Amino acid sequence: MKDHYFYLWRHPYTGMTCFGITSNTKKRLSEYEGHNGFDVKWSYLISGNEPTIKELEKSIKRYVQKLNIGYRGYEWIVAEVDYETVVQTVEYLLDGKKVEKIIE
């Protein structure tokens, strides 16, 4: 089964944290760069099987919606939420799951 990836990156101007999943990190990064007009670097990147990564994204979306910390329904977490808190939440949700940390 092909690996899937979960990523985080912070917008340098707004301070918001972007999250999402992809099966092709180079293509996804290129899409962000083309849309934003500046270099984008993952600040957090893990790989795992598709069900694990999709469940993680689903769980993060539930947290974001429940806590009302998203930006207009997009996969962005408002700047008022500390980036380290986002990472800790991801790590909590991954506890016991088999994933590979590529960038921490």
PDB file of N, CA and C in Angstrom:
ATOM      1  N   MET A   1       0.846  -1.183   0.000  1.00  0.00           N
ATOM      2  CA  MET A   1       0.000   0.000   0.000  1.00  0.00           C
ATOM      3  C   MET A   1       0.896   1.253   0.000  1.00  0.00           C
ATOM      4  N   LYS A   2       0.533   2.218  -0.808  1.00  0.00           N
ATOM      5  CA  LYS A   2       1.295   3.456  -0.939  1.00  0.00           C
ATOM      6  C   LYS A   2       1.180   4.311   0.326  1.00  0.00           C
ATOM      7  N   ASP A   3       2.327   4.862   0.750  1.00  0.00           N
ATOM      8  CA  ASP A   3       2.311   5.747   1.910  1.00  0.00           C
ATOM      9  C   ASP A   3       1.541   7.023   1.617  1.00  0.00           C
ATOM     10  N   HIS A   4       0.931   7.537   2.660  1.00  0.00           N
ATOM     11  CA  HIS A   4       0.299   8.847   2.632  1.00  0.00           C
ATOM     12  C   HIS A   4       1.017   9.708   3.662  1.00  0.00           C
ATOM     13  N   TYR A   5       0.838  10.996   3.541  1.00  0.00           N
ATOM     14  CA  TYR A   5       1.566  11.942   4.389  1.00  0.00           C
ATOM     15  C   TYR A   5       0.603  12.929   5.035  1.00  0.00           C
ATOM     16  N   PHE A   6       0.914  13.284   6.269  1.00  0.00           N
ATOM     17  CA  PHE A   6       0.223  14.360   6.978  1.00  0.00           C
ATOM     18  C   PHE A   6       1.256  15.446   7.211  1.00  0.00           C
ATOM     19  N   TYR A   7       0.879  16.683   6.934  1.00  0.00           N
ATOM     20  CA  TYR A   7       1.839  17.780   7.051  1.00  0.00           C
ATOM     21  C   TYR A   7       1.252  18.960   7.803  1.00  0.00           C
ATOM     22  N   LEU A   8       2.169  19.771   8.313  1.00  0.00           N
ATOM     23  CA  LEU A   8       1.859  21.081   8.886  1.00  0.00           C
ATOM     24  C   LEU A   8       2.849  22.076   8.309  1.00  0.00           C
ATOM     25  N   TRP A   9       2.407  23.296   8.129  1.00  0.00           N
ATOM     26  CA  TRP A   9       3.323  24.402   7.836  1.00  0.00           C
ATOM     27  C   TRP A   9       2.676  25.694   8.296  1.00  0.00           C
ATOM     28  N   ARG A  10       3.526  26.642   8.663  1.00  0.00           N
ATOM     29  CA  ARG A  10       3.029  27.927   9.162  1.00  0.00           C
ATOM     30  C   ARG A  10       3.176  28.993   8.107  1.00  0.00           C
ATOM     31  N   HIS A  11       2.124  29.771   7.965  1.00  0.00           N
ATOM     32  CA  HIS A  11       2.152  30.879   7.007  1.00  0.00           C
ATOM     33  C   HIS A  11       3.021  31.987   7.603  1.00  0.00           C
ATOM     34  N   PRO A  12       4.030  32.444   6.862  1.00  0.00           N
ATOM     35  CA  PRO A  12       4.969  33.425   7.428  1.00  0.00           C
ATOM     36  C   PRO A  12       4.367  34.806   7.672  1.00  0.00           C
ATOM     37  N   TYR A  13       3.245  35.121   7.058  1.00  0.00           N
ATOM     38  CA  TYR A  13       2.665  36.457   7.220  1.00  0.00           C
ATOM     39  C   TYR A  13       1.474  36.475   8.166  1.00  0.00           C
ATOM     40  N   THR A  14       0.647  35.431   8.124  1.00  0.00           N
ATOM     41  CA  THR A  14      -0.529  35.399   8.991  1.00  0.00           C
ATOM     42  C   THR A  14      -0.281  34.680  10.301  1.00  0.00           C
ATOM     43  N   GLY A  15       0.722  33.789  10.332  1.00  0.00           N
ATOM     44  CA  GLY A  15       0.994  32.996  11.525  1.00  0.00           C
ATOM     45  C   GLY A  15       0.061  31.802  11.686  1.00  0.00           C
ATOM     46  N   MET A  16      -0.872  31.627  10.745  1.00  0.00           N
ATOM     47  CA  MET A  16      -1.781  30.486  10.830  1.00  0.00           C
ATOM     48  C   MET A  16      -1.041  29.200  10.472  1.00  0.00           C
ATOM     49  N   THR A  17      -1.554  28.084  10.988  1.00  0.00           N
ATOM     50  CA  THR A  17      -0.985  26.768  10.700  1.00  0.00           C
ATOM     51  C   THR A  17      -1.865  26.051   9.695  1.00  0.00           C
ATOM     52  N   CYS A  18      -1.253  25.602   8.624  1.00  0.00           N
ATOM     53  CA  CYS A  18      -1.947  24.822   7.602  1.00  0.00           C
ATOM     54  C   CYS A  18      -1.716  23.345   7.896  1.00  0.00           C
ATOM     55  N   PHE A  19      -2.738  22.526   7.659  1.00  0.00           N
ATOM     56  CA  PHE A  19      -2.582  21.082   7.821  1.00  0.00           C
ATOM     57  C   PHE A  19      -3.257  20.382   6.652  1.00  0.00           C
ATOM     58  N   GLY A  20      -2.853  19.160   6.419  1.00  0.00           N
ATOM     59  CA  GLY A  20      -3.493  18.396   5.356  1.00  0.00           C
ATOM     60  C   GLY A  20      -2.807  17.074   5.116  1.00  0.00           C
ATOM     61  N   ILE A  21      -3.316  16.371   4.116  1.00  0.00           N
ATOM     62  CA  ILE A  21      -2.745  15.086   3.737  1.00  0.00           C
ATOM     63  C   ILE A  21      -2.496  15.073   2.235  1.00  0.00           C
ATOM     64  N   THR A  22      -1.580  14.205   1.822  1.00  0.00           N
ATOM     65  CA  THR A  22      -1.261  14.054   0.410  1.00  0.00           C
ATOM     66  C   THR A  22      -0.586  12.710   0.196  1.00  0.00           C
ATOM     67  N   SER A  23      -0.596  12.268  -1.042  1.00  0.00           N
ATOM     68  CA  SER A  23       0.174  11.074  -1.392  1.00  0.00           C
ATOM     69  C   SER A  23       1.436  11.472  -2.159  1.00  0.00           C
ATOM     70  N   ASN A  24       1.571  12.778  -2.446  1.00  0.00           N
ATOM     71  CA  ASN A  24       2.727  13.266  -3.199  1.00  0.00           C
ATOM     72  C   ASN A  24       3.161  14.613  -2.604  1.00  0.00           C
ATOM     73  N   THR A  25       4.145  14.587  -1.722  1.00  0.00           N
ATOM     74  CA  THR A  25       4.547  15.803  -1.004  1.00  0.00           C
ATOM     75  C   THR A  25       5.168  16.852  -1.920  1.00  0.00           C
ATOM     76  N   LYS A  26       5.933  16.429  -2.918  1.00  0.00           N
ATOM     77  CA  LYS A  26       6.566  17.399  -3.817  1.00  0.00           C
ATOM     78  C   LYS A  26       5.524  18.154  -4.627  1.00  0.00           C
ATOM     79  N   LYS A  27       4.537  17.429  -5.133  1.00  0.00           N
ATOM     80  CA  LYS A  27       3.480  18.077  -5.914  1.00  0.00           C
ATOM     81  C   LYS A  27       2.662  19.030  -5.038  1.00  0.00           C
ATOM     82  N   ARG A  28       2.322  18.573  -3.830  1.00  0.00           N
ATOM     83  CA  ARG A  28       1.510  19.412  -2.932  1.00  0.00           C
ATOM     84  C   ARG A  28       2.263  20.676  -2.544  1.00  0.00           C
ATOM     85  N   LEU A  29       3.541  20.546  -2.250  1.00  0.00           N
ATOM     86  CA  LEU A  29       4.364  21.707  -1.912  1.00  0.00           C
ATOM     87  C   LEU A  29       4.399  22.690  -3.076  1.00  0.00           C
ATOM     88  N   SER A  30       4.569  22.183  -4.271  1.00  0.00           N
ATOM     89  CA  SER A  30       4.594  23.020  -5.466  1.00  0.00           C
ATOM     90  C   SER A  30       3.270  23.766  -5.655  1.00  0.00           C
ATOM     91  N   GLU A  31       2.170  23.102  -5.368  1.00  0.00           N
ATOM     92  CA  GLU A  31       0.854  23.745  -5.480  1.00  0.00           C
ATOM     93  C   GLU A  31       0.723  24.899  -4.490  1.00  0.00           C
ATOM     94  N   TYR A  32       1.170  24.683  -3.250  1.00  0.00           N
ATOM     95  CA  TYR A  32       1.131  25.767  -2.262  1.00  0.00           C
ATOM     96  C   TYR A  32       2.008  26.933  -2.704  1.00  0.00           C
ATOM     97  N   GLU A  33       3.198  26.630  -3.194  1.00  0.00           N
ATOM     98  CA  GLU A  33       4.112  27.690  -3.616  1.00  0.00           C
ATOM     99  C   GLU A  33       3.537  28.467  -4.796  1.00  0.00           C
ATOM    100  N   GLY A  34       2.944  27.768  -5.736  1.00  0.00           N
ATOM    101  CA  GLY A  34       2.327  28.443  -6.878  1.00  0.00           C
ATOM    102  C   GLY A  34       1.165  29.319  -6.469  1.00  0.00           C
ATOM    103  N   HIS A  35       0.409  28.868  -5.503  1.00  0.00           N
ATOM    104  CA  HIS A  35      -0.751  29.637  -5.038  1.00  0.00           C
ATOM    105  C   HIS A  35      -0.339  30.852  -4.202  1.00  0.00           C
ATOM    106  N   ASN A  36       0.673  30.659  -3.349  1.00  0.00           N
ATOM    107  CA  ASN A  36       1.066  31.719  -2.416  1.00  0.00           C
ATOM    108  C   ASN A  36       2.123  32.666  -2.951  1.00  0.00           C
ATOM    109  N   GLY A  37       2.927  32.204  -3.894  1.00  0.00           N
ATOM    110  CA  GLY A  37       3.959  33.074  -4.454  1.00  0.00           C
ATOM    111  C   GLY A  37       5.208  33.190  -3.602  1.00  0.00           C
ATOM    112  N   PHE A  38       5.454  32.210  -2.741  1.00  0.00           N
ATOM    113  CA  PHE A  38       6.676  32.181  -1.949  1.00  0.00           C
ATOM    114  C   PHE A  38       6.998  30.732  -1.611  1.00  0.00           C
ATOM    115  N   ASP A  39       8.252  30.489  -1.215  1.00  0.00           N
ATOM    116  CA  ASP A  39       8.678  29.140  -0.843  1.00  0.00           C
ATOM    117  C   ASP A  39       7.934  28.675   0.400  1.00  0.00           C
ATOM    118  N   VAL A  40       7.505  27.431   0.373  1.00  0.00           N
ATOM    119  CA  VAL A  40       6.823  26.821   1.506  1.00  0.00           C
ATOM    120  C   VAL A  40       7.666  25.639   1.970  1.00  0.00           C
ATOM    121  N   LYS A  41       7.818  25.520   3.277  1.00  0.00           N
ATOM    122  CA  LYS A  41       8.562  24.397   3.845  1.00  0.00           C
ATOM    123  C   LYS A  41       7.686  23.717   4.890  1.00  0.00           C
ATOM    124  N   TRP A  42       7.618  22.395   4.790  1.00  0.00           N
ATOM    125  CA  TRP A  42       6.886  21.654   5.819  1.00  0.00           C
ATOM    126  C   TRP A  42       7.574  21.882   7.164  1.00  0.00           C
ATOM    127  N   SER A  43       6.805  22.106   8.198  1.00  0.00           N
ATOM    128  CA  SER A  43       7.375  22.208   9.538  1.00  0.00           C
ATOM    129  C   SER A  43       7.187  20.901  10.293  1.00  0.00           C
ATOM    130  N   TYR A  44       6.272  20.072   9.813  1.00  0.00           N
ATOM    131  CA  TYR A  44       5.994  18.776  10.413  1.00  0.00           C
ATOM    132  C   TYR A  44       5.508  17.871   9.298  1.00  0.00           C
ATOM    133  N   LEU A  45       6.092  16.684   9.181  1.00  0.00           N
ATOM    134  CA  LEU A  45       5.714  15.762   8.113  1.00  0.00           C
ATOM    135  C   LEU A  45       5.877  14.334   8.610  1.00  0.00           C
ATOM    136  N   ILE A  46       4.808  13.560   8.481  1.00  0.00           N
ATOM    137  CA  ILE A  46       4.853  12.149   8.838  1.00  0.00           C
ATOM    138  C   ILE A  46       4.284  11.331   7.687  1.00  0.00           C
ATOM    139  N   SER A  47       4.681  10.068   7.629  1.00  0.00           N
ATOM    140  CA  SER A  47       4.102   9.163   6.644  1.00  0.00           C
ATOM    141  C   SER A  47       3.525   7.953   7.362  1.00  0.00           C
ATOM    142  N   GLY A  48       2.539   7.367   6.724  1.00  0.00           N
ATOM    143  CA  GLY A  48       1.899   6.177   7.273  1.00  0.00           C
ATOM    144  C   GLY A  48       0.968   5.593   6.239  1.00  0.00           C
ATOM    145  N   ASN A  49       0.276   4.552   6.633  1.00  0.00           N
ATOM    146  CA  ASN A  49      -0.668   3.979   5.675  1.00  0.00           C
ATOM    147  C   ASN A  49      -1.879   4.901   5.512  1.00  0.00           C
ATOM    148  N   GLU A  50      -2.568   4.739   4.418  1.00  0.00           N
ATOM    149  CA  GLU A  50      -3.674   5.642   4.079  1.00  0.00           C
ATOM    150  C   GLU A  50      -4.746   5.726   5.165  1.00  0.00           C
ATOM    151  N   PRO A  51      -5.231   4.595   5.711  1.00  0.00           N
ATOM    152  CA  PRO A  51      -6.271   4.703   6.747  1.00  0.00           C
ATOM    153  C   PRO A  51      -5.822   5.490   7.983  1.00  0.00           C
ATOM    154  N   THR A  52      -4.585   5.298   8.418  1.00  0.00           N
ATOM    155  CA  THR A  52      -4.075   6.002   9.599  1.00  0.00           C
ATOM    156  C   THR A  52      -3.998   7.499   9.342  1.00  0.00           C
ATOM    157  N   ILE A  53      -3.466   7.885   8.192  1.00  0.00           N
ATOM    158  CA  ILE A  53      -3.304   9.302   7.872  1.00  0.00           C
ATOM    159  C   ILE A  53      -4.664   9.973   7.665  1.00  0.00           C
ATOM    160  N   LYS A  54      -5.585   9.297   6.994  1.00  0.00           N
ATOM    161  CA  LYS A  54      -6.920   9.875   6.782  1.00  0.00           C
ATOM    162  C   LYS A  54      -7.672  10.030   8.096  1.00  0.00           C
ATOM    163  N   GLU A  55      -7.524   9.070   8.990  1.00  0.00           N
ATOM    164  CA  GLU A  55      -8.182   9.165  10.298  1.00  0.00           C
ATOM    165  C   GLU A  55      -7.606  10.314  11.114  1.00  0.00           C
ATOM    166  N   LEU A  56      -6.287  10.517  11.033  1.00  0.00           N
ATOM    167  CA  LEU A  56      -5.657  11.637  11.728  1.00  0.00           C
ATOM    168  C   LEU A  56      -6.222  12.960  11.223  1.00  0.00           C
ATOM    169  N   GLU A  57      -6.297  13.122   9.915  1.00  0.00           N
ATOM    170  CA  GLU A  57      -6.837  14.365   9.368  1.00  0.00           C
ATOM    171  C   GLU A  57      -8.290  14.575   9.804  1.00  0.00           C
ATOM    172  N   LYS A  58      -9.056  13.526   9.770  1.00  0.00           N
ATOM    173  CA  LYS A  58     -10.460  13.602  10.187  1.00  0.00           C
ATOM    174  C   LYS A  58     -10.570  14.037  11.646  1.00  0.00           C
ATOM    175  N   SER A  59      -9.710  13.477  12.494  1.00  0.00           N
ATOM    176  CA  SER A  59      -9.717  13.832  13.919  1.00  0.00           C
ATOM    177  C   SER A  59      -9.319  15.285  14.127  1.00  0.00           C
ATOM    178  N   ILE A  60      -8.305  15.744  13.416  1.00  0.00           N
ATOM    179  CA  ILE A  60      -7.879  17.146  13.526  1.00  0.00           C
ATOM    180  C   ILE A  60      -9.016  18.062  13.081  1.00  0.00           C
ATOM    181  N   LYS A  61      -9.677  17.725  12.000  1.00  0.00           N
ATOM    182  CA  LYS A  61     -10.798  18.550  11.529  1.00  0.00           C
ATOM    183  C   LYS A  61     -11.914  18.622  12.573  1.00  0.00           C
ATOM    184  N   ARG A  62     -12.175  17.510  13.262  1.00  0.00           N
ATOM    185  CA  ARG A  62     -13.193  17.523  14.318  1.00  0.00           C
ATOM    186  C   ARG A  62     -12.782  18.452  15.454  1.00  0.00           C
ATOM    187  N   TYR A  63     -11.522  18.382  15.875  1.00  0.00           N
ATOM    188  CA  TYR A  63     -11.010  19.277  16.925  1.00  0.00           C
ATOM    189  C   TYR A  63     -11.161  20.735  16.493  1.00  0.00           C
ATOM    190  N   VAL A  64     -10.728  21.035  15.292  1.00  0.00           N
ATOM    191  CA  VAL A  64     -10.770  22.411  14.785  1.00  0.00           C
ATOM    192  C   VAL A  64     -12.201  22.933  14.776  1.00  0.00           C
ATOM    193  N   GLN A  65     -13.123  22.112  14.298  1.00  0.00           N
ATOM    194  CA  GLN A  65     -14.524  22.539  14.247  1.00  0.00           C
ATOM    195  C   GLN A  65     -15.119  22.689  15.649  1.00  0.00           C
ATOM    196  N   LYS A  66     -14.879  21.698  16.495  1.00  0.00           N
ATOM    197  CA  LYS A  66     -15.450  21.718  17.848  1.00  0.00           C
ATOM    198  C   LYS A  66     -14.949  22.913  18.661  1.00  0.00           C
ATOM    199  N   LEU A  67     -13.651  23.226  18.498  1.00  0.00           N
ATOM    200  CA  LEU A  67     -13.064  24.329  19.260  1.00  0.00           C
ATOM    201  C   LEU A  67     -13.193  25.674  18.544  1.00  0.00           C
ATOM    202  N   ASN A  68     -13.747  25.652  17.335  1.00  0.00           N
ATOM    203  CA  ASN A  68     -13.937  26.871  16.544  1.00  0.00           C
ATOM    204  C   ASN A  68     -12.615  27.634  16.371  1.00  0.00           C
ATOM    205  N   ILE A  69     -11.585  26.902  15.925  1.00  0.00           N
ATOM    206  CA  ILE A  69     -10.264  27.504  15.748  1.00  0.00           C
ATOM    207  C   ILE A  69      -9.797  27.454  14.289  1.00  0.00           C
ATOM    208  N   GLY A  70     -10.726  27.183  13.400  1.00  0.00           N
ATOM    209  CA  GLY A  70     -10.396  27.127  11.980  1.00  0.00           C
ATOM    210  C   GLY A  70     -10.595  28.464  11.303  1.00  0.00           C
ATOM    211  N   TYR A  71     -10.163  28.515  10.065  1.00  0.00           N
ATOM    212  CA  TYR A  71     -10.324  29.727   9.271  1.00  0.00           C
ATOM    213  C   TYR A  71     -11.228  29.433   8.084  1.00  0.00           C
ATOM    214  N   ARG A  72     -12.474  29.919   8.170  1.00  0.00           N
ATOM    215  CA  ARG A  72     -13.452  29.846   7.091  1.00  0.00           C
ATOM    216  C   ARG A  72     -13.653  28.455   6.488  1.00  0.00           C
ATOM    217  N   GLY A  73     -13.508  27.430   7.291  1.00  0.00           N
ATOM    218  CA  GLY A  73     -13.738  26.070   6.822  1.00  0.00           C
ATOM    219  C   GLY A  73     -12.585  25.456   6.043  1.00  0.00           C
ATOM    220  N   TYR A  74     -11.494  26.195   5.910  1.00  0.00           N
ATOM    221  CA  TYR A  74     -10.319  25.671   5.222  1.00  0.00           C
ATOM    222  C   TYR A  74      -9.458  24.879   6.194  1.00  0.00           C
ATOM    223  N   GLU A  75      -8.430  24.249   5.688  1.00  0.00           N
ATOM    224  CA  GLU A  75      -7.521  23.471   6.535  1.00  0.00           C
ATOM    225  C   GLU A  75      -6.439  24.377   7.124  1.00  0.00           C
ATOM    226  N   TRP A  76      -6.920  25.393   7.818  1.00  0.00           N
ATOM    227  CA  TRP A  76      -6.055  26.366   8.490  1.00  0.00           C
ATOM    228  C   TRP A  76      -6.505  26.492   9.930  1.00  0.00           C
ATOM    229  N   ILE A  77      -5.532  26.588  10.824  1.00  0.00           N
ATOM    230  CA  ILE A  77      -5.802  26.824  12.246  1.00  0.00           C
ATOM    231  C   ILE A  77      -5.340  28.242  12.555  1.00  0.00           C
ATOM    232  N   VAL A  78      -6.197  29.006  13.206  1.00  0.00           N
ATOM    233  CA  VAL A  78      -5.929  30.420  13.450  1.00  0.00           C
ATOM    234  C   VAL A  78      -4.628  30.630  14.224  1.00  0.00           C
ATOM    235  N   ALA A  79      -4.029  31.783  14.017  1.00  0.00           N
ATOM    236  CA  ALA A  79      -2.721  32.111  14.594  1.00  0.00           C
ATOM    237  C   ALA A  79      -2.741  32.161  16.116  1.00  0.00           C
ATOM    238  N   GLU A  80      -3.891  32.397  16.710  1.00  0.00           N
ATOM    239  CA  GLU A  80      -3.977  32.474  18.173  1.00  0.00           C
ATOM    240  C   GLU A  80      -3.683  31.125  18.843  1.00  0.00           C
ATOM    241  N   VAL A  81      -3.761  30.040  18.077  1.00  0.00           N
ATOM    242  CA  VAL A  81      -3.435  28.712  18.616  1.00  0.00           C
ATOM    243  C   VAL A  81      -1.946  28.483  18.397  1.00  0.00           C
ATOM    244  N   ASP A  82      -1.230  28.314  19.491  1.00  0.00           N
ATOM    245  CA  ASP A  82       0.211  28.121  19.436  1.00  0.00           C
ATOM    246  C   ASP A  82       0.557  26.888  18.599  1.00  0.00           C
ATOM    247  N   TYR A  83       1.550  27.028  17.737  1.00  0.00           N
ATOM    248  CA  TYR A  83       1.963  25.939  16.860  1.00  0.00           C
ATOM    249  C   TYR A  83       2.323  24.680  17.653  1.00  0.00           C
ATOM    250  N   GLU A  84       3.015  24.837  18.758  1.00  0.00           N
ATOM    251  CA  GLU A  84       3.403  23.678  19.570  1.00  0.00           C
ATOM    252  C   GLU A  84       2.182  22.939  20.108  1.00  0.00           C
ATOM    253  N   THR A  85       1.112  23.651  20.376  1.00  0.00           N
ATOM    254  CA  THR A  85      -0.131  23.016  20.821  1.00  0.00           C
ATOM    255  C   THR A  85      -0.708  22.153  19.708  1.00  0.00           C
ATOM    256  N   VAL A  86      -0.627  22.636  18.477  1.00  0.00           N
ATOM    257  CA  VAL A  86      -1.097  21.854  17.336  1.00  0.00           C
ATOM    258  C   VAL A  86      -0.280  20.570  17.218  1.00  0.00           C
ATOM    259  N   VAL A  87       1.045  20.689  17.300  1.00  0.00           N
ATOM    260  CA  VAL A  87       1.922  19.516  17.204  1.00  0.00           C
ATOM    261  C   VAL A  87       1.618  18.531  18.339  1.00  0.00           C
ATOM    262  N   GLN A  88       1.449  19.028  19.545  1.00  0.00           N
ATOM    263  CA  GLN A  88       1.142  18.150  20.680  1.00  0.00           C
ATOM    264  C   GLN A  88      -0.178  17.415  20.471  1.00  0.00           C
ATOM    265  N   THR A  89      -1.155  18.079  19.893  1.00  0.00           N
ATOM    266  CA  THR A  89      -2.444  17.440  19.612  1.00  0.00           C
ATOM    267  C   THR A  89      -2.272  16.332  18.578  1.00  0.00           C
ATOM    268  N   VAL A  90      -1.513  16.616  17.527  1.00  0.00           N
ATOM    269  CA  VAL A  90      -1.238  15.601  16.510  1.00  0.00           C
ATOM    270  C   VAL A  90      -0.543  14.398  17.149  1.00  0.00           C
ATOM    271  N   GLU A  91       0.456  14.657  17.967  1.00  0.00           N
ATOM    272  CA  GLU A  91       1.211  13.576  18.619  1.00  0.00           C
ATOM    273  C   GLU A  91       0.292  12.754  19.541  1.00  0.00           C
ATOM    274  N   TYR A  92      -0.589  13.421  20.233  1.00  0.00           N
ATOM    275  CA  TYR A  92      -1.549  12.737  21.100  1.00  0.00           C
ATOM    276  C   TYR A  92      -2.439  11.807  20.280  1.00  0.00           C
ATOM    277  N   LEU A  93      -2.930  12.302  19.163  1.00  0.00           N
ATOM    278  CA  LEU A  93      -3.806  11.501  18.312  1.00  0.00           C
ATOM    279  C   LEU A  93      -3.073  10.338  17.649  1.00  0.00           C
ATOM    280  N   LEU A  94      -1.766  10.451  17.506  1.00  0.00           N
ATOM    281  CA  LEU A  94      -0.965   9.402  16.886  1.00  0.00           C
ATOM    282  C   LEU A  94      -0.474   8.351  17.873  1.00  0.00           C
ATOM    283  N   ASP A  95      -0.666   8.584  19.156  1.00  0.00           N
ATOM    284  CA  ASP A  95      -0.121   7.686  20.174  1.00  0.00           C
ATOM    285  C   ASP A  95      -0.487   6.233  19.863  1.00  0.00           C
ATOM    286  N   GLY A  96       0.551   5.395  19.730  1.00  0.00           N
ATOM    287  CA  GLY A  96       0.348   3.982  19.477  1.00  0.00           C
ATOM    288  C   GLY A  96       0.181   3.616  18.008  1.00  0.00           C
ATOM    289  N   LYS A  97       0.133   4.605  17.133  1.00  0.00           N
ATOM    290  CA  LYS A  97      -0.032   4.353  15.698  1.00  0.00           C
ATOM    291  C   LYS A  97       1.337   4.217  15.044  1.00  0.00           C
ATOM    292  N   LYS A  98       1.390   3.418  14.012  1.00  0.00           N
ATOM    293  CA  LYS A  98       2.648   3.210  13.295  1.00  0.00           C
ATOM    294  C   LYS A  98       2.793   4.260  12.186  1.00  0.00           C
ATOM    295  N   VAL A  99       3.653   5.228  12.439  1.00  0.00           N
ATOM    296  CA  VAL A  99       3.941   6.275  11.457  1.00  0.00           C
ATOM    297  C   VAL A  99       5.444   6.552  11.484  1.00  0.00           C
ATOM    298  N   GLU A 100       5.920   7.162  10.429  1.00  0.00           N
ATOM    299  CA  GLU A 100       7.317   7.565  10.375  1.00  0.00           C
ATOM    300  C   GLU A 100       7.379   9.079  10.392  1.00  0.00           C
ATOM    301  N   LYS A 101       8.134   9.621  11.344  1.00  0.00           N
ATOM    302  CA  LYS A 101       8.324  11.067  11.395  1.00  0.00           C
ATOM    303  C   LYS A 101       9.457  11.440  10.442  1.00  0.00           C
ATOM    304  N   ILE A 102       9.139  12.300   9.497  1.00  0.00           N
ATOM    305  CA  ILE A 102      10.117  12.730   8.511  1.00  0.00           C
ATOM    306  C   ILE A 102      10.688  14.084   8.909  1.00  0.00           C
ATOM    307  N   ILE A 103       9.817  14.993   9.333  1.00  0.00           N
ATOM    308  CA  ILE A 103      10.221  16.316   9.813  1.00  0.00           C
ATOM    309  C   ILE A 103       9.451  16.574  11.095  1.00  0.00           C
ATOM    310  N   GLU A 104      10.195  16.946  12.149  1.00  0.00           N
ATOM    311  CA  GLU A 104       9.541  17.264  13.444  1.00  0.00           C
ATOM    312  C   GLU A 104       9.735  18.715  13.764  1.00  0.00           C
TER     313      GLU A 104
END
